[in-house]
PDB file of N, CA and C in Angstrom:
ATOM      1  N   SER A   1       0.838  -1.172   0.000  1.00  0.00           N
ATOM      2  CA  SER A   1       0.000   0.000   0.000  1.00  0.00           C
ATOM      3  C   SER A   1       0.884   1.236   0.000  1.00  0.00           C
ATOM      4  N   GLY A   2       0.579   2.172  -0.891  1.00  0.00           N
ATOM      5  CA  GLY A   2       1.404   3.357  -1.031  1.00  0.00           C
ATOM      6  C   GLY A   2       0.686   4.614  -0.591  1.00  0.00           C
ATOM      7  N   THR A   3       1.279   5.723  -0.949  1.00  0.00           N
ATOM      8  CA  THR A   3       0.756   7.030  -0.605  1.00  0.00           C
ATOM      9  C   THR A   3       0.284   7.725  -1.874  1.00  0.00           C
ATOM     10  N   CYS A   4      -0.858   8.345  -1.810  1.00  0.00           N
ATOM     11  CA  CYS A   4      -1.367   9.105  -2.951  1.00  0.00           C
ATOM     12  C   CYS A   4      -0.608  10.422  -3.024  1.00  0.00           C
ATOM     13  N   LEU A   5       0.098  10.659  -4.122  1.00  0.00           N
ATOM     14  CA  LEU A   5       0.882  11.878  -4.280  1.00  0.00           C
ATOM     15  C   LEU A   5       0.197  12.903  -5.170  1.00  0.00           C
ATOM     16  N   ALA A   6      -0.802  12.473  -5.926  1.00  0.00           N
ATOM     17  CA  ALA A   6      -1.504  13.400  -6.814  1.00  0.00           C
ATOM     18  C   ALA A   6      -2.882  12.840  -7.118  1.00  0.00           C
ATOM     19  N   ARG A   7      -3.791  13.733  -7.380  1.00  0.00           N
ATOM     20  CA  ARG A   7      -5.128  13.364  -7.842  1.00  0.00           C
ATOM     21  C   ARG A   7      -5.385  14.139  -9.119  1.00  0.00           C
ATOM     22  N   TYR A   8      -6.241  13.608  -9.956  1.00  0.00           N
ATOM     23  CA  TYR A   8      -6.529  14.286 -11.212  1.00  0.00           C
ATOM     24  C   TYR A   8      -7.963  13.999 -11.625  1.00  0.00           C
ATOM     25  N   ALA A   9      -8.477  14.857 -12.462  1.00  0.00           N
ATOM     26  CA  ALA A   9      -9.816  14.683 -13.029  1.00  0.00           C
ATOM     27  C   ALA A   9      -9.749  15.096 -14.487  1.00  0.00           C
ATOM     28  N   ARG A  10     -10.547  14.452 -15.299  1.00  0.00           N
ATOM     29  CA  ARG A  10     -10.558  14.767 -16.723  1.00  0.00           C
ATOM     30  C   ARG A  10     -11.955  14.516 -17.261  1.00  0.00           C
ATOM     31  N   LYS A  11     -12.476  15.404 -18.077  1.00  0.00           N
ATOM     32  CA  LYS A  11     -13.764  15.200 -18.715  1.00  0.00           C
ATOM     33  C   LYS A  11     -13.546  14.292 -19.922  1.00  0.00           C
ATOM     34  N   LEU A  12     -14.230  13.148 -19.925  1.00  0.00           N
ATOM     35  CA  LEU A  12     -14.051  12.172 -20.997  1.00  0.00           C
ATOM     36  C   LEU A  12     -15.182  12.200 -22.012  1.00  0.00           C
ATOM     37  N   GLY A  13     -16.302  12.754 -21.653  1.00  0.00           N
ATOM     38  CA  GLY A  13     -17.461  12.670 -22.529  1.00  0.00           C
ATOM     39  C   GLY A  13     -18.159  11.338 -22.299  1.00  0.00           C
ATOM     40  N   ALA A  14     -18.989  10.952 -23.236  1.00  0.00           N
ATOM     41  CA  ALA A  14     -19.761   9.715 -23.095  1.00  0.00           C
ATOM     42  C   ALA A  14     -18.874   8.507 -23.389  1.00  0.00           C
ATOM     43  N   CYS A  15     -18.780   7.596 -22.417  1.00  0.00           N
ATOM     44  CA  CYS A  15     -18.065   6.344 -22.634  1.00  0.00           C
ATOM     45  C   CYS A  15     -18.505   5.353 -21.565  1.00  0.00           C
ATOM     46  N   ASP A  16     -18.211   4.088 -21.810  1.00  0.00           N
ATOM     47  CA  ASP A  16     -18.585   3.071 -20.828  1.00  0.00           C
ATOM     48  C   ASP A  16     -17.532   2.996 -19.720  1.00  0.00           C
ATOM     49  N   ALA A  17     -17.833   2.198 -18.700  1.00  0.00           N
ATOM     50  CA  ALA A  17     -16.960   2.097 -17.528  1.00  0.00           C
ATOM     51  C   ALA A  17     -15.570   1.580 -17.889  1.00  0.00           C
ATOM     52  N   LEU A  18     -15.478   0.632 -18.816  1.00  0.00           N
ATOM     53  CA  LEU A  18     -14.180   0.087 -19.209  1.00  0.00           C
ATOM     54  C   LEU A  18     -13.293   1.184 -19.788  1.00  0.00           C
ATOM     55  N   HIS A  19     -13.844   1.983 -20.697  1.00  0.00           N
ATOM     56  CA  HIS A  19     -13.044   3.041 -21.308  1.00  0.00           C
ATOM     57  C   HIS A  19     -12.686   4.130 -20.306  1.00  0.00           C
ATOM     58  N   ALA A  20     -13.584   4.446 -19.390  1.00  0.00           N
ATOM     59  CA  ALA A  20     -13.278   5.430 -18.346  1.00  0.00           C
ATOM     60  C   ALA A  20     -12.115   4.942 -17.485  1.00  0.00           C
ATOM     61  N   GLU A  21     -12.129   3.664 -17.128  1.00  0.00           N
ATOM     62  CA  GLU A  21     -11.048   3.098 -16.316  1.00  0.00           C
ATOM     63  C   GLU A  21      -9.741   3.067 -17.108  1.00  0.00           C
ATOM     64  N   MET A  22      -9.816   2.739 -18.412  1.00  0.00           N
ATOM     65  CA  MET A  22      -8.620   2.760 -19.271  1.00  0.00           C
ATOM     66  C   MET A  22      -7.991   4.146 -19.269  1.00  0.00           C
ATOM     67  N   TRP A  23      -8.830   5.165 -19.485  1.00  0.00           N
ATOM     68  CA  TRP A  23      -8.322   6.539 -19.501  1.00  0.00           C
ATOM     69  C   TRP A  23      -7.729   6.904 -18.159  1.00  0.00           C
ATOM     70  N   GLY A  24      -8.374   6.491 -17.072  1.00  0.00           N
ATOM     71  CA  GLY A  24      -7.853   6.793 -15.741  1.00  0.00           C
ATOM     72  C   GLY A  24      -6.468   6.215 -15.523  1.00  0.00           C
ATOM     73  N   ILE A  25      -6.271   4.969 -15.941  1.00  0.00           N
ATOM     74  CA  ILE A  25      -4.957   4.338 -15.804  1.00  0.00           C
ATOM     75  C   ILE A  25      -3.939   5.034 -16.694  1.00  0.00           C
ATOM     76  N   TYR A  26      -4.318   5.296 -17.935  1.00  0.00           N
ATOM     77  CA  TYR A  26      -3.381   5.937 -18.867  1.00  0.00           C
ATOM     78  C   TYR A  26      -2.962   7.325 -18.381  1.00  0.00           C
ATOM     79  N   ILE A  27      -3.934   8.141 -18.014  1.00  0.00           N
ATOM     80  CA  ILE A  27      -3.628   9.506 -17.579  1.00  0.00           C
ATOM     81  C   ILE A  27      -2.787   9.484 -16.300  1.00  0.00           C
ATOM     82  N   GLY A  28      -3.140   8.606 -15.368  1.00  0.00           N
ATOM     83  CA  GLY A  28      -2.375   8.504 -14.130  1.00  0.00           C
ATOM     84  C   GLY A  28      -0.947   8.046 -14.351  1.00  0.00           C
ATOM     85  N   MET A  29      -0.765   7.034 -15.186  1.00  0.00           N
ATOM     86  CA  MET A  29       0.588   6.549 -15.470  1.00  0.00           C
ATOM     87  C   MET A  29       1.403   7.608 -16.202  1.00  0.00           C
ATOM     88  N   ASP A  30       0.780   8.290 -17.160  1.00  0.00           N
ATOM     89  CA  ASP A  30       1.474   9.335 -17.906  1.00  0.00           C
ATOM     90  C   ASP A  30       1.891  10.470 -16.970  1.00  0.00           C
ATOM     91  N   LEU A  31       0.999  10.874 -16.078  1.00  0.00           N
ATOM     92  CA  LEU A  31       1.301  11.920 -15.099  1.00  0.00           C
ATOM     93  C   LEU A  31       2.464  11.494 -14.204  1.00  0.00           C
ATOM     94  N   ALA A  32       2.416  10.268 -13.707  1.00  0.00           N
ATOM     95  CA  ALA A  32       3.489   9.766 -12.844  1.00  0.00           C
ATOM     96  C   ALA A  32       4.821   9.725 -13.578  1.00  0.00           C
ATOM     97  N   TRP A  33       4.804   9.269 -14.833  1.00  0.00           N
ATOM     98  CA  TRP A  33       6.043   9.187 -15.621  1.00  0.00           C
ATOM     99  C   TRP A  33       6.625  10.582 -15.835  1.00  0.00           C
ATOM    100  N   ARG A  34       5.770  11.548 -16.209  1.00  0.00           N
ATOM    101  CA  ARG A  34       6.247  12.909 -16.466  1.00  0.00           C
ATOM    102  C   ARG A  34       6.774  13.581 -15.199  1.00  0.00           C
ATOM    103  N   ARG A  35       6.317  13.159 -14.040  1.00  0.00           N
ATOM    104  CA  ARG A  35       6.797  13.713 -12.765  1.00  0.00           C
ATOM    105  C   ARG A  35       8.050  13.011 -12.262  1.00  0.00           C
ATOM    106  N   GLY A  36       8.516  12.016 -12.998  1.00  0.00           N
ATOM    107  CA  GLY A  36       9.756  11.343 -12.627  1.00  0.00           C
ATOM    108  C   GLY A  36       9.597  10.223 -11.619  1.00  0.00           C
ATOM    109  N   THR A  37       8.400   9.712 -11.478  1.00  0.00           N
ATOM    110  CA  THR A  37       8.160   8.599 -10.568  1.00  0.00           C
ATOM    111  C   THR A  37       8.963   7.387 -11.017  1.00  0.00           C
ATOM    112  N   THR A  38       9.591   6.697 -10.071  1.00  0.00           N
ATOM    113  CA  THR A  38      10.387   5.513 -10.423  1.00  0.00           C
ATOM    114  C   THR A  38       9.711   4.209 -10.026  1.00  0.00           C
ATOM    115  N   HIS A  39       8.754   4.268  -9.104  1.00  0.00           N
ATOM    116  CA  HIS A  39       8.014   3.082  -8.683  1.00  0.00           C
ATOM    117  C   HIS A  39       6.541   3.468  -8.598  1.00  0.00           C
ATOM    118  N   LEU A  40       5.692   2.668  -9.194  1.00  0.00           N
ATOM    119  CA  LEU A  40       4.273   2.983  -9.233  1.00  0.00           C
ATOM    120  C   LEU A  40       3.465   1.712  -9.033  1.00  0.00           C
ATOM    121  N   GLN A  41       2.430   1.794  -8.232  1.00  0.00           N
ATOM    122  CA  GLN A  41       1.484   0.692  -8.075  1.00  0.00           C
ATOM    123  C   GLN A  41       0.143   1.187  -8.595  1.00  0.00           C
ATOM    124  N   VAL A  42      -0.405   0.483  -9.583  1.00  0.00           N
ATOM    125  CA  VAL A  42      -1.701   0.817 -10.171  1.00  0.00           C
ATOM    126  C   VAL A  42      -2.696  -0.236  -9.716  1.00  0.00           C
ATOM    127  N   ASP A  43      -3.755   0.192  -9.041  1.00  0.00           N
ATOM    128  CA  ASP A  43      -4.799  -0.718  -8.586  1.00  0.00           C
ATOM    129  C   ASP A  43      -6.072  -0.426  -9.356  1.00  0.00           C
ATOM    130  N   SER A  44      -6.708  -1.469  -9.860  1.00  0.00           N
ATOM    131  CA  SER A  44      -7.965  -1.330 -10.579  1.00  0.00           C
ATOM    132  C   SER A  44      -8.918  -2.422 -10.132  1.00  0.00           C
ATOM    133  N   ASP A  45     -10.186  -2.059  -9.944  1.00  0.00           N
ATOM    134  CA  ASP A  45     -11.186  -3.071  -9.607  1.00  0.00           C
ATOM    135  C   ASP A  45     -11.824  -3.657 -10.863  1.00  0.00           C
ATOM    136  N   PHE A  46     -11.273  -3.326 -12.032  1.00  0.00           N
ATOM    137  CA  PHE A  46     -11.783  -3.820 -13.313  1.00  0.00           C
ATOM    138  C   PHE A  46     -10.868  -4.942 -13.790  1.00  0.00           C
ATOM    139  N   ASN A  47     -11.163  -6.171 -13.387  1.00  0.00           N
ATOM    140  CA  ASN A  47     -10.296  -7.318 -13.664  1.00  0.00           C
ATOM    141  C   ASN A  47     -10.045  -7.510 -15.160  1.00  0.00           C
ATOM    142  N   VAL A  48     -11.042  -7.283 -15.979  1.00  0.00           N
ATOM    143  CA  VAL A  48     -10.882  -7.436 -17.435  1.00  0.00           C
ATOM    144  C   VAL A  48      -9.804  -6.487 -17.938  1.00  0.00           C
ATOM    145  N   LEU A  49      -9.786  -5.280 -17.439  1.00  0.00           N
ATOM    146  CA  LEU A  49      -8.792  -4.294 -17.855  1.00  0.00           C
ATOM    147  C   LEU A  49      -7.397  -4.686 -17.385  1.00  0.00           C
ATOM    148  N   VAL A  50      -7.270  -5.147 -16.158  1.00  0.00           N
ATOM    149  CA  VAL A  50      -5.966  -5.608 -15.659  1.00  0.00           C
ATOM    150  C   VAL A  50      -5.446  -6.715 -16.565  1.00  0.00           C
ATOM    151  N   ASP A  51      -6.317  -7.653 -16.931  1.00  0.00           N
ATOM    152  CA  ASP A  51      -5.915  -8.733 -17.840  1.00  0.00           C
ATOM    153  C   ASP A  51      -5.501  -8.189 -19.198  1.00  0.00           C
ATOM    154  N   MET A  52      -6.234  -7.219 -19.730  1.00  0.00           N
ATOM    155  CA  MET A  52      -5.909  -6.641 -21.038  1.00  0.00           C
ATOM    156  C   MET A  52      -4.534  -5.986 -21.023  1.00  0.00           C
ATOM    157  N   VAL A  53      -4.206  -5.315 -19.939  1.00  0.00           N
ATOM    158  CA  VAL A  53      -2.936  -4.605 -19.844  1.00  0.00           C
ATOM    159  C   VAL A  53      -1.773  -5.570 -19.638  1.00  0.00           C
ATOM    160  N   THR A  54      -1.989  -6.634 -18.896  1.00  0.00           N
ATOM    161  CA  THR A  54      -0.877  -7.498 -18.498  1.00  0.00           C
ATOM    162  C   THR A  54      -0.705  -8.747 -19.361  1.00  0.00           C
ATOM    163  N   GLU A  55      -1.629  -9.043 -20.261  1.00  0.00           N
ATOM    164  CA  GLU A  55      -1.526 -10.238 -21.084  1.00  0.00           C
ATOM    165  C   GLU A  55      -1.345  -9.874 -22.551  1.00  0.00           C
ATOM    166  N   ASN A  56      -0.940 -10.854 -23.353  1.00  0.00           N
ATOM    167  CA  ASN A  56      -0.757 -10.656 -24.790  1.00  0.00           C
ATOM    168  C   ASN A  56      -2.072 -10.867 -25.528  1.00  0.00           C
ATOM    169  N   GLY A  57      -2.153 -10.331 -26.718  1.00  0.00           N
ATOM    170  CA  GLY A  57      -3.334 -10.491 -27.547  1.00  0.00           C
ATOM    171  C   GLY A  57      -3.670  -9.194 -28.255  1.00  0.00           C
ATOM    172  N   THR A  58      -4.732  -9.208 -29.041  1.00  0.00           N
ATOM    173  CA  THR A  58      -5.191  -8.024 -29.746  1.00  0.00           C
ATOM    174  C   THR A  58      -5.715  -7.020 -28.732  1.00  0.00           C
ATOM    175  N   ILE A  59      -5.255  -5.780 -28.859  1.00  0.00           N
ATOM    176  CA  ILE A  59      -5.589  -4.786 -27.852  1.00  0.00           C
ATOM    177  C   ILE A  59      -6.005  -3.459 -28.489  1.00  0.00           C
ATOM    178  N   PRO A  60      -6.874  -2.714 -27.805  1.00  0.00           N
ATOM    179  CA  PRO A  60      -7.214  -1.374 -28.273  1.00  0.00           C
ATOM    180  C   PRO A  60      -6.005  -0.435 -28.163  1.00  0.00           C
ATOM    181  N   THR A  61      -6.031   0.657 -28.904  1.00  0.00           N
ATOM    182  CA  THR A  61      -4.936   1.626 -28.917  1.00  0.00           C
ATOM    183  C   THR A  61      -4.604   2.132 -27.524  1.00  0.00           C
ATOM    184  N   LEU A  62      -5.604   2.424 -26.724  1.00  0.00           N
ATOM    185  CA  LEU A  62      -5.345   2.962 -25.391  1.00  0.00           C
ATOM    186  C   LEU A  62      -4.618   1.949 -24.506  1.00  0.00           C
ATOM    187  N   ILE A  63      -4.956   0.674 -24.641  1.00  0.00           N
ATOM    188  CA  ILE A  63      -4.240  -0.370 -23.890  1.00  0.00           C
ATOM    189  C   ILE A  63      -2.790  -0.428 -24.362  1.00  0.00           C
ATOM    190  N   ARG A  64      -2.550  -0.289 -25.661  1.00  0.00           N
ATOM    191  CA  ARG A  64      -1.179  -0.284 -26.178  1.00  0.00           C
ATOM    192  C   ARG A  64      -0.398   0.896 -25.590  1.00  0.00           C
ATOM    193  N   ARG A  65      -1.048   2.040 -25.448  1.00  0.00           N
ATOM    194  CA  ARG A  65      -0.380   3.200 -24.849  1.00  0.00           C
ATOM    195  C   ARG A  65      -0.049   2.945 -23.383  1.00  0.00           C
ATOM    196  N   ILE A  66      -0.966   2.294 -22.661  1.00  0.00           N
ATOM    197  CA  ILE A  66      -0.698   1.948 -21.266  1.00  0.00           C
ATOM    198  C   ILE A  66       0.481   0.980 -21.194  1.00  0.00           C
ATOM    199  N   ARG A  67       0.502  -0.007 -22.075  1.00  0.00           N
ATOM    200  CA  ARG A  67       1.629  -0.956 -22.102  1.00  0.00           C
ATOM    201  C   ARG A  67       2.935  -0.248 -22.416  1.00  0.00           C
ATOM    202  N   ASP A  68       2.899   0.702 -23.363  1.00  0.00           N
ATOM    203  CA  ASP A  68       4.111   1.448 -23.699  1.00  0.00           C
ATOM    204  C   ASP A  68       4.641   2.192 -22.473  1.00  0.00           C
ATOM    205  N   LEU A  69       3.738   2.819 -21.713  1.00  0.00           N
ATOM    206  CA  LEU A  69       4.156   3.487 -20.478  1.00  0.00           C
ATOM    207  C   LEU A  69       4.703   2.469 -19.477  1.00  0.00           C
ATOM    208  N   ASN A  70       4.044   1.323 -19.388  1.00  0.00           N
ATOM    209  CA  ASN A  70       4.472   0.275 -18.465  1.00  0.00           C
ATOM    210  C   ASN A  70       5.869  -0.235 -18.802  1.00  0.00           C
ATOM    211  N   ASN A  71       6.240  -0.212 -20.070  1.00  0.00           N
ATOM    212  CA  ASN A  71       7.518  -0.754 -20.520  1.00  0.00           C
ATOM    213  C   ASN A  71       8.675   0.242 -20.453  1.00  0.00           C
ATOM    214  N   LYS A  72       8.415   1.454 -19.995  1.00  0.00           N
ATOM    215  CA  LYS A  72       9.500   2.420 -19.839  1.00  0.00           C
ATOM    216  C   LYS A  72      10.414   1.994 -18.692  1.00  0.00           C
ATOM    217  N   ASN A  73      11.484   2.729 -18.499  1.00  0.00           N
ATOM    218  CA  ASN A  73      12.495   2.379 -17.511  1.00  0.00           C
ATOM    219  C   ASN A  73      12.050   2.783 -16.101  1.00  0.00           C
ATOM    220  N   TRP A  74      11.074   2.055 -15.564  1.00  0.00           N
ATOM    221  CA  TRP A  74      10.582   2.255 -14.208  1.00  0.00           C
ATOM    222  C   TRP A  74       9.894   1.001 -13.764  1.00  0.00           C
ATOM    223  N   GLN A  75       9.548   0.919 -12.499  1.00  0.00           N
ATOM    224  CA  GLN A  75       8.874  -0.264 -11.978  1.00  0.00           C
ATOM    225  C   GLN A  75       7.407   0.062 -11.738  1.00  0.00           C
ATOM    226  N   VAL A  76       6.539  -0.654 -12.458  1.00  0.00           N
ATOM    227  CA  VAL A  76       5.094  -0.466 -12.320  1.00  0.00           C
ATOM    228  C   VAL A  76       4.472  -1.813 -11.997  1.00  0.00           C
ATOM    229  N   GLN A  77       3.617  -1.830 -11.006  1.00  0.00           N
ATOM    230  CA  GLN A  77       2.883  -3.032 -10.644  1.00  0.00           C
ATOM    231  C   GLN A  77       1.401  -2.723 -10.849  1.00  0.00           C
ATOM    232  N   ILE A  78       0.726  -3.520 -11.664  1.00  0.00           N
ATOM    233  CA  ILE A  78      -0.696  -3.321 -11.948  1.00  0.00           C
ATOM    234  C   ILE A  78      -1.459  -4.471 -11.317  1.00  0.00           C
ATOM    235  N   ASN A  79      -2.385  -4.143 -10.434  1.00  0.00           N
ATOM    236  CA  ASN A  79      -3.094  -5.151  -9.649  1.00  0.00           C
ATOM    237  C   ASN A  79      -4.600  -4.998  -9.765  1.00  0.00           C
ATOM    238  N   HIS A  80      -5.279  -6.122  -9.686  1.00  0.00           N
ATOM    239  CA  HIS A  80      -6.738  -6.097  -9.523  1.00  0.00           C
ATOM    240  C   HIS A  80      -7.028  -6.022  -8.033  1.00  0.00           C
ATOM    241  N   ILE A  81      -7.934  -5.121  -7.655  1.00  0.00           N
ATOM    242  CA  ILE A  81      -8.420  -5.064  -6.288  1.00  0.00           C
ATOM    243  C   ILE A  81      -9.938  -5.063  -6.327  1.00  0.00           C
ATOM    244  N   TRP A  82     -10.559  -5.525  -5.282  1.00  0.00           N
ATOM    245  CA  TRP A  82     -12.017  -5.539  -5.222  1.00  0.00           C
ATOM    246  C   TRP A  82     -12.534  -4.118  -5.062  1.00  0.00           C
ATOM    247  N   ARG A  83     -13.706  -3.859  -5.592  1.00  0.00           N
ATOM    248  CA  ARG A  83     -14.290  -2.524  -5.577  1.00  0.00           C
ATOM    249  C   ARG A  83     -14.278  -1.902  -4.182  1.00  0.00           C
ATOM    250  N   GLU A  84     -14.523  -2.710  -3.157  1.00  0.00           N
ATOM    251  CA  GLU A  84     -14.528  -2.201  -1.789  1.00  0.00           C
ATOM    252  C   GLU A  84     -13.184  -1.605  -1.382  1.00  0.00           C
ATOM    253  N   GLY A  85     -12.119  -2.061  -2.016  1.00  0.00           N
ATOM    254  CA  GLY A  85     -10.783  -1.562  -1.709  1.00  0.00           C
ATOM    255  C   GLY A  85     -10.355  -0.417  -2.589  1.00  0.00           C
ATOM    256  N   ASN A  86     -11.224   0.041  -3.465  1.00  0.00           N
ATOM    257  CA  ASN A  86     -10.866   1.063  -4.443  1.00  0.00           C
ATOM    258  C   ASN A  86     -11.715   2.311  -4.266  1.00  0.00           C
ATOM    259  N   ARG A  87     -11.958   2.692  -3.053  1.00  0.00           N
ATOM    260  CA  ARG A  87     -12.823   3.846  -2.775  1.00  0.00           C
ATOM    261  C   ARG A  87     -12.276   5.147  -3.335  1.00  0.00           C
ATOM    262  N   SER A  88     -10.957   5.279  -3.486  1.00  0.00           N
ATOM    263  CA  SER A  88     -10.389   6.534  -3.996  1.00  0.00           C
ATOM    264  C   SER A  88     -10.813   6.796  -5.434  1.00  0.00           C
ATOM    265  N   ALA A  89     -11.084   5.734  -6.206  1.00  0.00           N
ATOM    266  CA  ALA A  89     -11.512   5.913  -7.589  1.00  0.00           C
ATOM    267  C   ALA A  89     -12.998   6.218  -7.696  1.00  0.00           C
ATOM    268  N   ASP A  90     -13.776   5.839  -6.688  1.00  0.00           N
ATOM    269  CA  ASP A  90     -15.213   6.033  -6.709  1.00  0.00           C
ATOM    270  C   ASP A  90     -15.552   7.338  -6.107  1.00  0.00           C
TER     271      ASP A  90
END
């Protein structure tokens, strides 16, 4: 368990929960990378998204961007957590 160092909000327009969560992960990882973060833990209660990011296969562009950020020279851990444990996102 880590410490929250930044919070962010972004207007996405109309989209489903999966895409909103994708954008949240992408924007958060991009923000952390640009701030020089060297270790990051990403928690998501969207198990399908965690699988999409961490496994191989055909992927949407936004997932590819998240993977590209994940593959930079830093340590990122992406975990599934139950919704009850993800109150900061709700």
